Amino acid sequence: MSTLAPYATLISIAERSQKVAIELPARENAQTHWNGVGFNLLGQRFVAPLVEVAELMRLPPSTRVPGVKNFVIGVANVRGRLMAILDLVLFFGRSSALPRNQRRILAMEEDEQYLGFLVDESLGMQHFPSDSYEEGAGELEDLFRPYVQGGYRVGGVFWPVMSLRVVAEDPEILKLAQQTA
């Protein structure tokens, strides 16, 4: 038996594979997708840009801080870093029917700012065809409109994109302390 026989066999298999292989679609024909983290808030479905969500977690133990606005749950030590935890339902002036321990935190990290936004429910990773994006907020309550510039419509369902960065830049959040008279 020749030492080239196994090599020749491999070459033969490779050549036959290339003859019957199906080509990959051209790069310009490939569908691009936008990725986000889906969540429910006050019965409304949203998606936050994946680049704005550092992590998704359960509500960690927190310490209440006196003299802050009612939507500030407190601060939590998350792996050695202090996170301000904000209840988005209370921020929007409503109340949630769900117990806090069943709700989820969308953590946002921007420079030195580490915020945890408490939402009603996490819907996990969502992937949308890039061409399904629509400008505007669709049929959305007015209280959400400043934080939504558009969304994705897939299968007749509109997913508004809520920017956590825009929420974090709201003057009510930038100054968490309660106004004193």
C-alpha atoms as a PDB file:
ATOM      1  CA  MET A   1       0.000   0.000   0.000  1.00  0.00           C
ATOM      2  CA  SER A   2       1.351   3.405  -0.976  1.00  0.00           C
ATOM      3  CA  THR A   3       1.653   6.212   1.581  1.00  0.00           C
ATOM      4  CA  LEU A   4       0.050   8.530  -0.997  1.00  0.00           C
ATOM      5  CA  ALA A   5      -3.155   6.469  -1.200  1.00  0.00           C
ATOM      6  CA  PRO A   6      -4.847   8.063   1.854  1.00  0.00           C
ATOM      7  CA  TYR A   7      -3.842  11.534   0.644  1.00  0.00           C
ATOM      8  CA  ALA A   8      -5.125  10.843  -2.869  1.00  0.00           C
ATOM      9  CA  THR A   9      -8.403   9.589  -1.397  1.00  0.00           C
ATOM     10  CA  LEU A  10      -8.833  12.826   0.597  1.00  0.00           C
ATOM     11  CA  ILE A  11      -8.111  14.912  -2.508  1.00  0.00           C
ATOM     12  CA  SER A  12     -10.688  12.915  -4.459  1.00  0.00           C
ATOM     13  CA  ILE A  13     -13.330  13.433  -1.741  1.00  0.00           C
ATOM     14  CA  ALA A  14     -12.585  17.180  -1.613  1.00  0.00           C
ATOM     15  CA  GLU A  15     -12.909  17.532  -5.387  1.00  0.00           C
ATOM     16  CA  ARG A  16     -16.241  15.638  -5.472  1.00  0.00           C
ATOM     17  CA  SER A  17     -17.573  17.759  -2.557  1.00  0.00           C
ATOM     18  CA  GLN A  18     -16.748  20.994  -4.364  1.00  0.00           C
ATOM     19  CA  LYS A  19     -18.561  19.814  -7.505  1.00  0.00           C
ATOM     20  CA  VAL A  20     -21.852  19.188  -5.645  1.00  0.00           C
ATOM     21  CA  ALA A  21     -21.586  22.026  -3.080  1.00  0.00           C
ATOM     22  CA  ILE A  22     -24.276  24.722  -3.080  1.00  0.00           C
ATOM     23  CA  GLU A  23     -22.874  28.227  -3.193  1.00  0.00           C
ATOM     24  CA  LEU A  24     -23.523  30.619  -0.342  1.00  0.00           C
ATOM     25  CA  PRO A  25     -25.720  33.592  -1.204  1.00  0.00           C
ATOM     26  CA  ALA A  26     -23.864  36.660  -2.395  1.00  0.00           C
ATOM     27  CA  ARG A  27     -23.088  39.082   0.436  1.00  0.00           C
ATOM     28  CA  GLU A  28     -25.324  41.779  -1.022  1.00  0.00           C
ATOM     29  CA  ASN A  29     -28.271  39.332  -1.062  1.00  0.00           C
ATOM     30  CA  ALA A  30     -27.859  38.318   2.591  1.00  0.00           C
ATOM     31  CA  GLN A  31     -30.566  39.664   4.908  1.00  0.00           C
ATOM     32  CA  THR A  32     -29.233  41.839   7.737  1.00  0.00           C
ATOM     33  CA  HIS A  33     -30.876  41.849  11.128  1.00  0.00           C
ATOM     34  CA  TRP A  34     -31.222  44.276  14.007  1.00  0.00           C
ATOM     35  CA  ASN A  35     -30.949  42.770  17.502  1.00  0.00           C
ATOM     36  CA  GLY A  36     -32.557  43.847  20.738  1.00  0.00           C
ATOM     37  CA  VAL A  37     -33.921  42.695  24.073  1.00  0.00           C
ATOM     38  CA  GLY A  38     -37.703  42.450  24.226  1.00  0.00           C
ATOM     39  CA  PHE A  39     -39.662  43.423  27.318  1.00  0.00           C
ATOM     40  CA  ASN A  40     -43.172  44.189  28.522  1.00  0.00           C
ATOM     41  CA  LEU A  41     -43.994  47.391  30.326  1.00  0.00           C
ATOM     42  CA  LEU A  42     -47.538  48.256  31.396  1.00  0.00           C
ATOM     43  CA  GLY A  43     -48.980  45.718  28.964  1.00  0.00           C
ATOM     44  CA  GLN A  44     -47.022  47.183  26.029  1.00  0.00           C
ATOM     45  CA  ARG A  45     -44.365  45.199  24.175  1.00  0.00           C
ATOM     46  CA  PHE A  46     -41.036  47.017  23.542  1.00  0.00           C
ATOM     47  CA  VAL A  47     -37.546  46.180  22.419  1.00  0.00           C
ATOM     48  CA  ALA A  48     -34.361  47.883  23.651  1.00  0.00           C
ATOM     49  CA  PRO A  49     -31.296  48.038  21.393  1.00  0.00           C
ATOM     50  CA  LEU A  50     -28.914  45.229  22.304  1.00  0.00           C
ATOM     51  CA  VAL A  51     -25.997  47.687  22.363  1.00  0.00           C
ATOM     52  CA  GLU A  52     -27.724  49.553  25.219  1.00  0.00           C
ATOM     53  CA  VAL A  53     -28.342  46.510  27.444  1.00  0.00           C
ATOM     54  CA  ALA A  54     -25.303  45.439  29.462  1.00  0.00           C
ATOM     55  CA  GLU A  55     -27.200  42.545  31.027  1.00  0.00           C
ATOM     56  CA  LEU A  56     -30.565  41.181  32.021  1.00  0.00           C
ATOM     57  CA  MET A  57     -31.032  40.108  35.642  1.00  0.00           C
ATOM     58  CA  ARG A  58     -33.396  39.464  38.477  1.00  0.00           C
ATOM     59  CA  LEU A  59     -33.956  42.275  40.952  1.00  0.00           C
ATOM     60  CA  PRO A  60     -30.909  42.227  43.261  1.00  0.00           C
ATOM     61  CA  PRO A  61     -31.175  43.082  46.960  1.00  0.00           C
ATOM     62  CA  SER A  62     -31.113  46.857  47.230  1.00  0.00           C
ATOM     63  CA  THR A  63     -30.905  49.581  49.828  1.00  0.00           C
ATOM     64  CA  ARG A  64     -33.493  52.363  49.811  1.00  0.00           C
ATOM     65  CA  VAL A  65     -32.012  55.850  49.653  1.00  0.00           C
ATOM     66  CA  PRO A  66     -33.867  58.607  51.520  1.00  0.00           C
ATOM     67  CA  GLY A  67     -34.853  61.784  49.710  1.00  0.00           C
ATOM     68  CA  VAL A  68     -35.103  60.329  46.204  1.00  0.00           C
ATOM     69  CA  LYS A  69     -38.023  60.236  43.794  1.00  0.00           C
ATOM     70  CA  ASN A  70     -40.639  57.514  44.195  1.00  0.00           C
ATOM     71  CA  PHE A  71     -39.487  55.520  41.141  1.00  0.00           C
ATOM     72  CA  VAL A  72     -35.996  55.008  42.603  1.00  0.00           C
ATOM     73  CA  ILE A  73     -36.059  51.600  44.283  1.00  0.00           C
ATOM     74  CA  GLY A  74     -32.579  52.076  45.703  1.00  0.00           C
ATOM     75  CA  VAL A  75     -28.995  51.096  45.060  1.00  0.00           C
ATOM     76  CA  ALA A  76     -27.607  47.594  44.758  1.00  0.00           C
ATOM     77  CA  ASN A  77     -24.098  46.195  44.864  1.00  0.00           C
ATOM     78  CA  VAL A  78     -23.749  44.217  41.634  1.00  0.00           C
ATOM     79  CA  ARG A  79     -20.368  42.481  41.515  1.00  0.00           C
ATOM     80  CA  GLY A  80     -18.695  45.326  43.371  1.00  0.00           C
ATOM     81  CA  ARG A  81     -20.369  48.177  41.480  1.00  0.00           C
ATOM     82  CA  LEU A  82     -23.217  50.353  42.692  1.00  0.00           C
ATOM     83  CA  MET A  83     -26.274  50.253  40.455  1.00  0.00           C
ATOM     84  CA  ALA A  84     -29.161  52.697  40.815  1.00  0.00           C
ATOM     85  CA  ILE A  85     -32.362  50.714  40.342  1.00  0.00           C
ATOM     86  CA  LEU A  86     -35.276  52.566  38.762  1.00  0.00           C
ATOM     87  CA  ASP A  87     -38.815  51.251  38.384  1.00  0.00           C
ATOM     88  CA  LEU A  88     -39.910  52.243  34.864  1.00  0.00           C
ATOM     89  CA  VAL A  89     -43.568  51.590  35.675  1.00  0.00           C
ATOM     90  CA  LEU A  90     -43.439  54.163  38.501  1.00  0.00           C
ATOM     91  CA  PHE A  91     -41.342  56.486  36.328  1.00  0.00           C
ATOM     92  CA  PHE A  92     -44.241  56.534  33.861  1.00  0.00           C
ATOM     93  CA  GLY A  93     -46.636  57.336  36.711  1.00  0.00           C
ATOM     94  CA  ARG A  94     -48.365  53.981  36.926  1.00  0.00           C
ATOM     95  CA  SER A  95     -48.173  50.888  39.141  1.00  0.00           C
ATOM     96  CA  SER A  96     -47.466  47.286  38.258  1.00  0.00           C
ATOM     97  CA  ALA A  97     -49.745  44.401  39.204  1.00  0.00           C
ATOM     98  CA  LEU A  98     -46.748  42.061  39.260  1.00  0.00           C
ATOM     99  CA  PRO A  99     -44.711  41.399  42.399  1.00  0.00           C
ATOM    100  CA  ARG A 100     -41.217  42.935  42.194  1.00  0.00           C
ATOM    101  CA  ASN A 101     -39.496  39.547  42.499  1.00  0.00           C
ATOM    102  CA  GLN A 102     -41.188  38.392  39.264  1.00  0.00           C
ATOM    103  CA  ARG A 103     -40.061  41.447  37.303  1.00  0.00           C
ATOM    104  CA  ARG A 104     -36.675  41.867  35.548  1.00  0.00           C
ATOM    105  CA  ILE A 105     -33.884  44.419  35.376  1.00  0.00           C
ATOM    106  CA  LEU A 106     -32.412  45.704  32.109  1.00  0.00           C
ATOM    107  CA  ALA A 107     -28.976  46.993  33.105  1.00  0.00           C
ATOM    108  CA  MET A 108     -27.462  49.880  31.186  1.00  0.00           C
ATOM    109  CA  GLU A 109     -23.838  50.897  31.494  1.00  0.00           C
ATOM    110  CA  GLU A 110     -22.767  54.198  29.973  1.00  0.00           C
ATOM    111  CA  ASP A 111     -19.397  55.606  31.052  1.00  0.00           C
ATOM    112  CA  GLU A 112     -19.652  55.827  34.863  1.00  0.00           C
ATOM    113  CA  GLN A 113     -23.433  55.538  34.855  1.00  0.00           C
ATOM    114  CA  TYR A 114     -24.724  52.083  35.879  1.00  0.00           C
ATOM    115  CA  LEU A 115     -28.517  51.939  35.912  1.00  0.00           C
ATOM    116  CA  GLY A 116     -30.962  49.098  36.323  1.00  0.00           C
ATOM    117  CA  PHE A 117     -34.388  49.618  34.755  1.00  0.00           C
ATOM    118  CA  LEU A 118     -37.068  47.438  36.324  1.00  0.00           C
ATOM    119  CA  VAL A 119     -39.554  46.216  33.690  1.00  0.00           C
ATOM    120  CA  ASP A 120     -42.577  43.934  34.005  1.00  0.00           C
ATOM    121  CA  GLU A 121     -41.279  41.023  31.945  1.00  0.00           C
ATOM    122  CA  SER A 122     -38.331  40.067  29.781  1.00  0.00           C
ATOM    123  CA  LEU A 123     -39.118  38.671  26.336  1.00  0.00           C
ATOM    124  CA  GLY A 124     -35.502  37.721  25.584  1.00  0.00           C
ATOM    125  CA  MET A 125     -33.437  38.350  22.479  1.00  0.00           C
ATOM    126  CA  GLN A 126     -35.357  39.590  19.462  1.00  0.00           C
ATOM    127  CA  HIS A 127     -34.036  39.652  15.889  1.00  0.00           C
ATOM    128  CA  PHE A 128     -35.726  41.765  13.226  1.00  0.00           C
ATOM    129  CA  PRO A 129     -35.004  42.066   9.494  1.00  0.00           C
ATOM    130  CA  SER A 130     -33.397  45.482   9.076  1.00  0.00           C
ATOM    131  CA  ASP A 131     -35.784  46.394   6.284  1.00  0.00           C
ATOM    132  CA  SER A 132     -38.816  45.984   8.598  1.00  0.00           C
ATOM    133  CA  TYR A 133     -37.966  49.214  10.480  1.00  0.00           C
ATOM    134  CA  GLU A 134     -40.606  51.958  10.509  1.00  0.00           C
ATOM    135  CA  GLU A 135     -40.158  55.561  11.625  1.00  0.00           C
ATOM    136  CA  GLY A 136     -42.561  56.882  14.249  1.00  0.00           C
ATOM    137  CA  ALA A 137     -44.050  55.375  17.366  1.00  0.00           C
ATOM    138  CA  GLY A 138     -47.094  53.718  15.829  1.00  0.00           C
ATOM    139  CA  GLU A 139     -50.162  53.448  18.035  1.00  0.00           C
ATOM    140  CA  LEU A 140     -48.424  54.084  21.335  1.00  0.00           C
ATOM    141  CA  GLU A 141     -49.518  55.923  24.474  1.00  0.00           C
ATOM    142  CA  ASP A 142     -48.224  59.487  24.592  1.00  0.00           C
ATOM    143  CA  LEU A 143     -46.197  58.871  27.764  1.00  0.00           C
ATOM    144  CA  PHE A 144     -43.873  56.510  25.842  1.00  0.00           C
ATOM    145  CA  ARG A 145     -43.449  58.627  22.695  1.00  0.00           C
ATOM    146  CA  PRO A 146     -40.415  60.709  23.824  1.00  0.00           C
ATOM    147  CA  TYR A 147     -38.415  57.482  24.248  1.00  0.00           C
ATOM    148  CA  VAL A 148     -39.425  55.782  20.976  1.00  0.00           C
ATOM    149  CA  GLN A 149     -38.367  56.982  17.518  1.00  0.00           C
ATOM    150  CA  GLY A 150     -39.457  53.944  15.527  1.00  0.00           C
ATOM    151  CA  GLY A 151     -39.856  50.209  15.613  1.00  0.00           C
ATOM    152  CA  TYR A 152     -39.977  46.949  13.711  1.00  0.00           C
ATOM    153  CA  ARG A 153     -43.096  45.426  12.200  1.00  0.00           C
ATOM    154  CA  VAL A 154     -42.945  41.664  11.779  1.00  0.00           C
ATOM    155  CA  GLY A 155     -45.952  39.440  11.129  1.00  0.00           C
ATOM    156  CA  GLY A 156     -48.285  42.393  11.637  1.00  0.00           C
ATOM    157  CA  VAL A 157     -46.909  43.052  15.132  1.00  0.00           C
ATOM    158  CA  PHE A 158     -45.201  46.393  15.835  1.00  0.00           C
ATOM    159  CA  TRP A 159     -42.267  46.357  18.279  1.00  0.00           C
ATOM    160  CA  PRO A 160     -41.456  49.926  19.358  1.00  0.00           C
ATOM    161  CA  VAL A 161     -37.757  50.484  20.076  1.00  0.00           C
ATOM    162  CA  MET A 162     -37.361  52.160  23.470  1.00  0.00           C
ATOM    163  CA  SER A 163     -33.921  53.673  23.886  1.00  0.00           C
ATOM    164  CA  LEU A 164     -32.604  53.194  27.420  1.00  0.00           C
ATOM    165  CA  ARG A 165     -30.056  55.940  26.722  1.00  0.00           C
ATOM    166  CA  VAL A 166     -32.842  58.407  25.960  1.00  0.00           C
ATOM    167  CA  VAL A 167     -34.658  57.344  29.141  1.00  0.00           C
ATOM    168  CA  ALA A 168     -31.427  57.780  31.142  1.00  0.00           C
ATOM    169  CA  GLU A 169     -31.025  61.322  29.735  1.00  0.00           C
ATOM    170  CA  ASP A 170     -34.490  62.385  30.910  1.00  0.00           C
ATOM    171  CA  PRO A 171     -34.189  65.315  33.370  1.00  0.00           C
ATOM    172  CA  GLU A 172     -36.261  63.343  35.917  1.00  0.00           C
ATOM    173  CA  ILE A 173     -33.618  60.619  35.938  1.00  0.00           C
ATOM    174  CA  LEU A 174     -30.599  62.900  35.732  1.00  0.00           C
ATOM    175  CA  LYS A 175     -31.721  64.447  39.022  1.00  0.00           C
ATOM    176  CA  LEU A 176     -32.999  61.590  41.169  1.00  0.00           C
ATOM    177  CA  ALA A 177     -33.247  63.609  44.377  1.00  0.00           C
ATOM    178  CA  GLN A 178     -36.712  64.739  45.447  1.00  0.00           C
ATOM    179  CA  GLN A 179     -37.311  68.505  45.157  1.00  0.00           C
ATOM    180  CA  THR A 180     -37.558  70.166  48.545  1.00  0.00           C
ATOM    181  CA  ALA A 181     -39.575  73.308  49.115  1.00  0.00           C
END
